[in-house]
N, C-alpha and C. Protein backbone atom coordinates (compact mmCIF):
# COMPACT_ATOMS: atom_id res chain seq x y z
N MET A 1 122.89 69.58 112.75
CA MET A 1 121.43 69.71 112.91
C MET A 1 121.15 70.22 111.25
N ARG A 2 119.74 69.57 110.98
CA ARG A 2 119.43 70.08 109.10
C ARG A 2 118.69 71.10 109.15
N GLU A 3 118.98 72.21 108.33
CA GLU A 3 118.51 73.26 108.02
C GLU A 3 116.89 73.01 107.09
N GLU A 4 115.91 73.60 107.20
CA GLU A 4 115.16 73.54 106.34
C GLU A 4 115.07 74.44 105.40
N MET A 5 114.55 73.76 104.13
CA MET A 5 114.75 74.37 102.73
C MET A 5 114.46 75.53 102.59
N HIS A 6 114.45 76.50 101.80
CA HIS A 6 113.72 77.94 101.71
C HIS A 6 112.59 77.67 100.76
N PRO A 7 111.54 78.33 101.19
CA PRO A 7 110.04 78.01 100.08
C PRO A 7 110.32 77.91 98.43
N VAL A 8 111.20 78.95 98.48
CA VAL A 8 111.64 78.96 96.69
C VAL A 8 112.70 77.93 96.44
N ASP A 9 113.24 77.47 97.31
CA ASP A 9 114.37 76.19 96.79
C ASP A 9 113.29 75.09 96.68
N HIS A 10 111.89 75.04 97.52
CA HIS A 10 110.96 73.99 97.51
C HIS A 10 110.75 74.04 96.00
N TYR A 11 110.31 75.15 95.77
CA TYR A 11 109.09 75.48 94.26
C TYR A 11 110.42 75.05 93.53
N GLU A 12 111.40 75.12 93.28
CA GLU A 12 112.45 75.11 92.51
C GLU A 12 112.77 73.28 92.18
N ALA A 13 112.76 72.81 93.42
CA ALA A 13 113.09 71.17 93.39
C ALA A 13 111.77 70.34 93.07
N PHE A 14 110.63 71.10 93.40
CA PHE A 14 109.32 70.35 92.96
C PHE A 14 108.87 70.61 91.43
N ASP A 15 109.33 71.81 91.31
CA ASP A 15 109.05 72.16 89.69
C ASP A 15 110.09 71.22 88.88
N ALA A 16 111.19 71.06 89.49
CA ALA A 16 112.18 70.21 88.63
C ALA A 16 111.33 68.58 88.51
N LEU A 17 111.15 68.08 89.43
CA LEU A 17 110.46 66.85 89.33
C LEU A 17 109.15 67.17 88.50
N ALA A 18 108.37 67.90 88.68
CA ALA A 18 107.29 67.84 87.94
C ALA A 18 107.46 67.78 86.34
N LYS A 19 108.24 68.54 86.03
CA LYS A 19 108.73 68.63 84.75
C LYS A 19 109.28 67.51 84.03
N GLN A 20 109.85 66.59 84.98
CA GLN A 20 110.07 65.21 84.73
C GLN A 20 109.30 64.29 84.58
N GLY A 21 107.86 64.73 84.70
CA GLY A 21 106.66 63.86 84.95
C GLY A 21 106.48 63.10 86.16
N LYS A 22 106.83 63.73 87.54
CA LYS A 22 106.67 63.09 88.54
C LYS A 22 105.38 63.74 89.18
N ASP A 23 104.18 63.02 89.37
CA ASP A 23 103.15 63.40 90.26
C ASP A 23 103.24 64.04 91.42
N ILE A 24 102.07 64.82 91.72
CA ILE A 24 102.22 65.38 93.13
C ILE A 24 102.68 64.40 94.02
N ALA A 25 101.91 63.44 94.06
CA ALA A 25 101.88 62.28 95.23
C ALA A 25 103.20 61.69 95.17
N ASP A 26 104.14 61.81 94.28
CA ASP A 26 105.44 61.15 94.40
C ASP A 26 106.46 62.15 95.12
N ILE A 27 106.03 63.33 94.54
CA ILE A 27 107.20 64.41 94.82
C ILE A 27 106.90 64.52 96.44
N ALA A 28 105.61 64.64 96.95
CA ALA A 28 105.41 64.55 98.41
C ALA A 28 106.01 63.81 99.31
N ALA A 29 105.95 62.48 98.59
CA ALA A 29 106.62 61.11 99.35
C ALA A 29 108.19 61.17 99.48
N ARG A 30 108.46 62.03 98.32
CA ARG A 30 110.19 62.09 98.34
C ARG A 30 110.92 63.12 99.26
N PHE A 31 109.97 64.05 99.31
CA PHE A 31 110.34 65.24 100.41
C PHE A 31 109.51 65.17 101.88
N GLY A 32 108.95 64.03 102.23
CA GLY A 32 108.34 63.94 103.40
C GLY A 32 107.22 65.05 103.81
N THR A 33 106.42 65.49 102.85
CA THR A 33 105.50 66.40 103.24
C THR A 33 103.97 66.12 102.20
N THR A 34 103.28 66.80 102.41
CA THR A 34 101.88 66.83 101.99
C THR A 34 101.72 67.16 100.87
N GLU A 35 100.89 66.89 100.08
CA GLU A 35 100.67 67.00 98.59
C GLU A 35 99.91 68.45 98.55
N THR A 36 99.51 68.76 99.61
CA THR A 36 98.73 70.17 99.67
C THR A 36 100.34 71.33 99.67
N VAL A 37 101.16 70.83 100.48
CA VAL A 37 102.42 71.80 100.36
C VAL A 37 102.72 71.74 99.03
N VAL A 38 103.07 70.86 98.13
CA VAL A 38 103.50 70.44 97.05
C VAL A 38 102.74 71.58 95.97
N ARG A 39 101.56 71.34 96.21
CA ARG A 39 100.69 72.32 95.29
C ARG A 39 100.75 73.42 95.61
N LYS A 40 101.06 74.10 96.56
CA LYS A 40 101.27 75.34 97.34
C LYS A 40 102.72 75.81 96.86
N ARG A 41 103.59 75.06 96.83
CA ARG A 41 105.19 75.48 96.13
C ARG A 41 104.87 75.43 94.97
N LEU A 42 104.17 74.79 94.03
CA LEU A 42 104.43 74.96 92.56
C LEU A 42 103.49 75.80 92.22
N ALA A 43 102.73 76.60 93.07
CA ALA A 43 101.73 77.72 92.61
C ALA A 43 102.53 78.84 92.76
N LEU A 44 103.90 78.76 93.21
CA LEU A 44 104.87 79.71 92.70
C LEU A 44 105.32 79.89 91.59
N ALA A 45 105.24 78.99 90.73
CA ALA A 45 105.61 79.27 89.43
C ALA A 45 104.92 80.35 88.49
N HIS A 46 103.77 80.99 89.18
CA HIS A 46 103.02 82.04 88.92
C HIS A 46 103.62 83.36 89.24
N VAL A 47 104.55 82.86 89.60
CA VAL A 47 104.91 84.54 90.57
C VAL A 47 106.20 84.88 89.93
N SER A 48 106.04 86.34 89.61
CA SER A 48 107.22 86.76 88.84
C SER A 48 108.67 86.70 89.71
N PRO A 49 109.79 86.47 88.82
CA PRO A 49 110.94 85.93 89.26
C PRO A 49 111.49 87.15 89.88
N VAL A 50 110.74 88.55 89.69
CA VAL A 50 111.23 89.66 90.38
C VAL A 50 110.94 89.57 91.82
N LEU A 51 109.56 89.34 91.91
CA LEU A 51 109.01 89.32 93.48
C LEU A 51 109.62 87.97 94.28
N LEU A 52 109.71 86.84 93.55
CA LEU A 52 110.99 85.97 94.27
C LEU A 52 112.04 86.50 94.60
N GLN A 53 112.37 86.92 93.89
CA GLN A 53 113.89 87.53 94.81
C GLN A 53 113.76 88.66 95.50
N HIS A 54 112.50 89.30 95.64
CA HIS A 54 112.12 90.21 96.94
C HIS A 54 112.10 89.31 97.98
N PHE A 55 111.15 88.32 97.83
CA PHE A 55 110.89 87.36 98.93
C PHE A 55 112.51 86.85 99.41
N ARG A 56 113.25 86.10 98.48
CA ARG A 56 114.78 85.47 99.06
C ARG A 56 115.30 86.54 99.80
N ASP A 57 115.32 87.95 99.56
CA ASP A 57 115.91 89.11 100.02
C ASP A 57 115.35 89.68 101.07
N GLU A 58 114.07 88.73 101.95
CA GLU A 58 113.47 88.98 102.88
C GLU A 58 112.71 90.54 102.74
N ASP A 59 112.35 90.99 101.77
CA ASP A 59 111.93 92.16 101.35
C ASP A 59 110.37 91.96 101.58
N MET A 60 110.07 90.78 101.53
CA MET A 60 108.44 90.44 101.56
C MET A 60 108.11 89.26 102.50
N SER A 61 107.05 89.25 102.61
CA SER A 61 106.88 87.73 103.49
C SER A 61 106.19 86.65 102.62
N PHE A 62 106.30 85.46 103.36
CA PHE A 62 105.56 84.38 102.73
C PHE A 62 104.24 84.63 102.36
N ALA A 63 103.27 85.18 103.25
CA ALA A 63 101.98 85.50 103.21
C ALA A 63 101.73 86.27 101.85
N GLN A 64 102.71 87.50 101.62
CA GLN A 64 102.53 88.48 100.64
C GLN A 64 102.75 87.72 99.17
N LEU A 65 103.83 87.09 99.26
CA LEU A 65 104.45 86.18 98.32
C LEU A 65 103.29 85.18 97.85
N SER A 66 102.40 84.65 98.46
CA SER A 66 101.70 83.66 98.06
C SER A 66 100.41 84.55 97.43
N ALA A 67 100.05 85.72 97.89
CA ALA A 67 99.31 86.33 97.15
C ALA A 67 99.09 86.74 95.93
N PHE A 68 100.32 86.76 95.44
CA PHE A 68 100.73 86.81 94.17
C PHE A 68 100.15 85.54 93.05
N THR A 69 99.89 84.34 93.82
CA THR A 69 99.68 83.55 92.89
C THR A 69 98.03 83.43 92.15
N VAL A 70 97.39 84.47 93.10
CA VAL A 70 96.18 84.55 91.93
C VAL A 70 96.10 85.00 90.61
N SER A 71 97.19 85.43 90.09
CA SER A 71 97.39 86.05 88.74
C SER A 71 98.57 85.24 88.29
N ASP A 72 98.50 85.07 86.80
CA ASP A 72 99.84 84.94 86.21
C ASP A 72 100.55 85.91 85.59
N ASP A 73 99.95 86.90 85.48
CA ASP A 73 100.46 87.97 84.69
C ASP A 73 101.52 88.87 85.61
N HIS A 74 103.02 88.68 85.36
CA HIS A 74 104.20 89.05 86.13
C HIS A 74 104.22 90.40 85.91
N GLU A 75 103.90 91.20 84.72
CA GLU A 75 104.24 92.51 84.92
C GLU A 75 103.23 93.28 85.80
N ARG A 76 101.80 92.30 85.63
CA ARG A 76 100.67 93.31 86.64
C ARG A 76 101.02 92.98 88.15
N GLN A 77 101.64 91.93 88.65
CA GLN A 77 102.33 91.58 89.83
C GLN A 77 103.22 92.69 90.25
N VAL A 78 104.18 92.80 89.61
CA VAL A 78 105.27 93.91 89.69
C VAL A 78 104.69 95.40 90.06
N ALA A 79 103.84 95.58 88.99
CA ALA A 79 103.15 96.88 89.32
C ALA A 79 102.30 96.90 90.22
N VAL A 80 101.57 96.00 90.85
CA VAL A 80 100.86 95.76 91.95
C VAL A 80 101.61 95.85 93.21
N TRP A 81 102.90 95.46 93.37
CA TRP A 81 103.62 95.46 94.40
C TRP A 81 104.35 96.83 94.62
N ASN A 82 104.90 97.29 93.17
CA ASN A 82 105.41 98.66 93.02
C ASN A 82 104.43 99.95 93.61
N SER A 83 102.84 99.74 93.61
CA SER A 83 101.74 100.57 93.56
C SER A 83 101.42 100.64 95.09
N LEU A 84 101.47 99.69 95.73
CA LEU A 84 100.90 99.41 97.00
C LEU A 84 102.10 100.17 97.76
N SER A 85 101.46 100.78 98.61
CA SER A 85 102.50 101.95 99.70
C SER A 85 103.01 100.59 100.94
N SER A 86 104.39 100.63 101.24
CA SER A 86 104.66 99.97 102.02
C SER A 86 103.89 99.44 103.57
N TRP A 87 103.02 100.32 103.58
CA TRP A 87 102.29 100.26 104.77
C TRP A 87 100.98 99.46 104.48
N ASN A 88 100.68 99.65 103.14
CA ASN A 88 99.51 98.75 102.86
C ASN A 88 99.72 97.50 101.60
N ARG A 89 100.84 96.81 102.30
CA ARG A 89 101.21 95.67 101.13
C ARG A 89 100.69 94.48 101.92
N GLU A 90 99.58 94.24 102.55
CA GLU A 90 99.18 93.18 103.13
C GLU A 90 98.49 92.28 102.17
N PRO A 91 98.49 90.84 102.22
CA PRO A 91 98.05 89.77 101.53
C PRO A 91 96.63 90.33 100.84
N HIS A 92 95.81 90.69 101.46
CA HIS A 92 94.43 90.97 101.28
C HIS A 92 94.49 91.64 100.32
N SER A 93 95.06 93.10 100.59
CA SER A 93 95.32 94.21 99.66
C SER A 93 96.00 93.85 98.15
N ILE A 94 96.95 92.64 98.14
CA ILE A 94 97.42 92.07 96.85
C ILE A 94 96.39 91.81 96.19
N ARG A 95 95.90 90.64 97.15
CA ARG A 95 94.87 89.80 96.55
C ARG A 95 93.39 90.70 95.68
N ARG A 96 93.34 91.70 96.74
CA ARG A 96 92.20 92.66 95.95
C ARG A 96 92.62 93.34 94.96
N ALA A 97 93.83 93.82 94.69
CA ALA A 97 94.42 94.40 93.81
C ALA A 97 94.31 93.69 92.33
N LEU A 98 95.11 92.41 92.64
CA LEU A 98 94.93 91.41 91.11
C LEU A 98 93.75 90.92 90.69
N THR A 99 92.74 90.85 91.53
CA THR A 99 91.67 89.98 91.30
C THR A 99 90.41 91.16 91.33
N GLU A 100 90.46 92.38 91.01
CA GLU A 100 89.66 93.60 90.98
C GLU A 100 88.86 93.25 89.79
N GLU A 101 89.12 92.68 88.80
CA GLU A 101 88.13 92.48 87.47
C GLU A 101 87.60 91.02 87.55
N MET A 102 87.60 90.32 88.52
CA MET A 102 87.18 88.61 88.73
C MET A 102 85.96 88.68 89.63
N ILE A 103 84.87 87.71 89.30
CA ILE A 103 84.03 87.73 90.25
C ILE A 103 84.01 86.63 91.34
N PRO A 104 83.73 86.93 92.28
CA PRO A 104 83.76 85.57 93.38
C PRO A 104 83.07 84.89 93.37
N ALA A 105 83.08 83.57 93.60
CA ALA A 105 82.34 82.27 93.30
C ALA A 105 81.17 82.68 94.10
N THR A 106 80.84 83.43 94.86
CA THR A 106 79.82 83.62 95.83
C THR A 106 78.62 84.49 95.23
N ASP A 107 79.17 85.39 94.17
CA ASP A 107 78.20 86.22 93.33
C ASP A 107 77.21 85.41 92.70
N LYS A 108 75.88 86.22 93.28
CA LYS A 108 74.74 85.87 92.56
C LYS A 108 74.99 85.19 91.15
N ARG A 109 75.51 85.74 90.26
CA ARG A 109 75.65 85.09 88.80
C ARG A 109 76.22 84.33 88.57
N VAL A 110 77.16 83.79 89.63
CA VAL A 110 77.92 82.23 89.50
C VAL A 110 76.58 81.28 89.52
N GLN A 111 75.88 81.56 91.01
CA GLN A 111 74.75 80.65 91.15
C GLN A 111 73.64 80.78 89.82
N PHE A 112 73.47 82.02 89.21
CA PHE A 112 72.41 81.80 88.22
C PHE A 112 72.77 81.12 86.87
N ILE A 113 74.00 80.99 86.77
CA ILE A 113 74.30 80.45 85.61
C ILE A 113 74.40 78.59 85.84
N GLY A 114 74.12 78.25 87.17
CA GLY A 114 74.15 77.11 87.56
C GLY A 114 75.42 76.39 88.33
N GLY A 115 76.37 77.71 88.85
CA GLY A 115 77.25 77.16 89.81
C GLY A 115 78.58 76.79 88.92
N LEU A 116 79.42 76.86 89.85
CA LEU A 116 80.98 76.72 89.32
C LEU A 116 80.76 75.23 88.53
N VAL A 117 80.55 74.26 88.90
CA VAL A 117 80.63 72.95 88.31
C VAL A 117 80.29 73.21 86.73
N ALA A 118 78.63 73.77 86.78
CA ALA A 118 78.26 74.15 85.18
C ALA A 118 78.91 74.92 84.59
N TYR A 119 79.59 75.77 85.15
CA TYR A 119 80.22 76.85 84.59
C TYR A 119 81.62 75.89 83.70
N GLU A 120 82.61 75.26 84.59
CA GLU A 120 83.40 74.37 84.38
C GLU A 120 83.14 73.38 83.14
N GLU A 121 82.24 72.83 83.38
CA GLU A 121 81.84 71.93 82.15
C GLU A 121 81.56 72.54 80.90
N ALA A 122 81.05 73.66 81.03
CA ALA A 122 80.77 74.36 79.70
C ALA A 122 82.04 75.00 79.18
N GLY A 123 83.24 74.47 79.86
CA GLY A 123 84.40 75.38 79.27
C GLY A 123 85.22 76.57 80.08
N GLY A 124 84.35 76.79 81.01
CA GLY A 124 84.62 78.10 81.66
C GLY A 124 86.16 77.91 82.59
N SER A 125 86.53 78.92 82.55
CA SER A 125 87.83 79.05 83.45
C SER A 125 87.67 79.58 84.79
N VAL A 126 88.00 78.90 85.83
CA VAL A 126 88.13 79.23 87.22
C VAL A 126 89.43 79.30 87.73
N LYS A 127 89.84 80.04 88.72
CA LYS A 127 90.97 80.37 89.47
C LYS A 127 90.71 80.26 90.88
N ARG A 128 91.43 79.28 91.50
CA ARG A 128 91.42 78.88 92.78
C ARG A 128 92.76 79.30 93.66
N ASP A 129 92.25 80.23 94.57
CA ASP A 129 93.67 80.44 95.37
C ASP A 129 93.81 79.47 96.51
N LEU A 130 94.89 78.57 96.44
CA LEU A 130 95.46 77.72 97.44
C LEU A 130 95.95 78.10 98.57
N PHE A 131 96.09 79.48 98.50
CA PHE A 131 96.66 80.14 99.61
C PHE A 131 95.82 80.67 100.71
N ASP A 132 94.41 80.94 100.12
CA ASP A 132 93.58 81.45 100.96
C ASP A 132 92.47 80.45 101.82
N ASP A 133 92.87 80.61 103.43
CA ASP A 133 92.32 79.62 103.94
C ASP A 133 91.02 79.37 103.94
N ARG A 134 90.06 80.59 103.29
CA ARG A 134 88.37 80.32 103.16
C ARG A 134 88.18 79.54 101.87
N ASN A 135 89.40 79.22 101.16
CA ASN A 135 89.23 78.48 99.77
C ASN A 135 88.39 79.36 99.12
N ARG A 136 88.34 80.42 98.91
CA ARG A 136 87.51 81.13 97.91
C ARG A 136 88.30 80.85 96.28
N GLU A 137 87.05 81.02 95.57
CA GLU A 137 87.30 80.62 94.12
C GLU A 137 86.83 81.99 93.45
N ALA A 138 87.34 82.28 92.39
CA ALA A 138 86.87 83.32 91.61
C ALA A 138 86.72 83.14 90.16
N VAL A 139 86.20 83.94 89.23
CA VAL A 139 85.73 83.60 87.83
C VAL A 139 85.72 84.89 87.30
N PRO A 140 86.79 84.56 86.14
CA PRO A 140 87.07 85.93 85.51
C PRO A 140 85.71 86.54 85.12
N ARG A 141 85.67 87.82 85.24
CA ARG A 141 84.61 88.92 85.08
C ARG A 141 84.00 88.70 83.07
N ASN A 142 85.00 88.46 82.33
CA ASN A 142 84.89 88.64 81.13
C ASN A 142 84.13 87.43 80.79
N CYS A 143 83.68 86.09 81.49
CA CYS A 143 83.67 84.79 81.10
C CYS A 143 82.23 84.77 81.72
N ARG A 144 81.15 85.65 81.70
CA ARG A 144 79.89 85.63 82.00
C ARG A 144 78.93 84.49 81.69
C-alpha cells in the first residue's frame, strides 16, 4: 500500500519543479493532482520554516498552517502564532491577526476607485487567499 505524501513534502517537490521552470499544469499532471492543489501547496512558500516544522511535528493543523499564507512576513507569522492563546489559534483568528492592516475587497473604497481590476491595472497590489473557501481578496491599506 502506498502512503500519501505529507503536504510539506508536496510543497518541496512542487517547488523544486517550479524552480526548474515547470508550469503549474505540468506539475499537476506529473503528480496526478489538480492545478488548484499545486497552487495551494506552492503557497506554502510564504510560510515561515519555523511554522512548517510545527506542522510537520503535528503541533498545528493544515488549516492553521494555510492561514499563514496570507502574509509573506515570516517574523510576523511566528509572532502571531506565539501571541495567540492555544485555545484561540483558529485559522480565522490567524488570518485576522495577519490581515488587520489590509482592506477587504468588499470595502466601499475599493468600489470607489473602480474595483479590483482597475486597481490592479493601475499597478496596485492585491493579495488573494487561496485557502479561503469564500475566495476573499484584500488590498493593502497603504495603497488607497
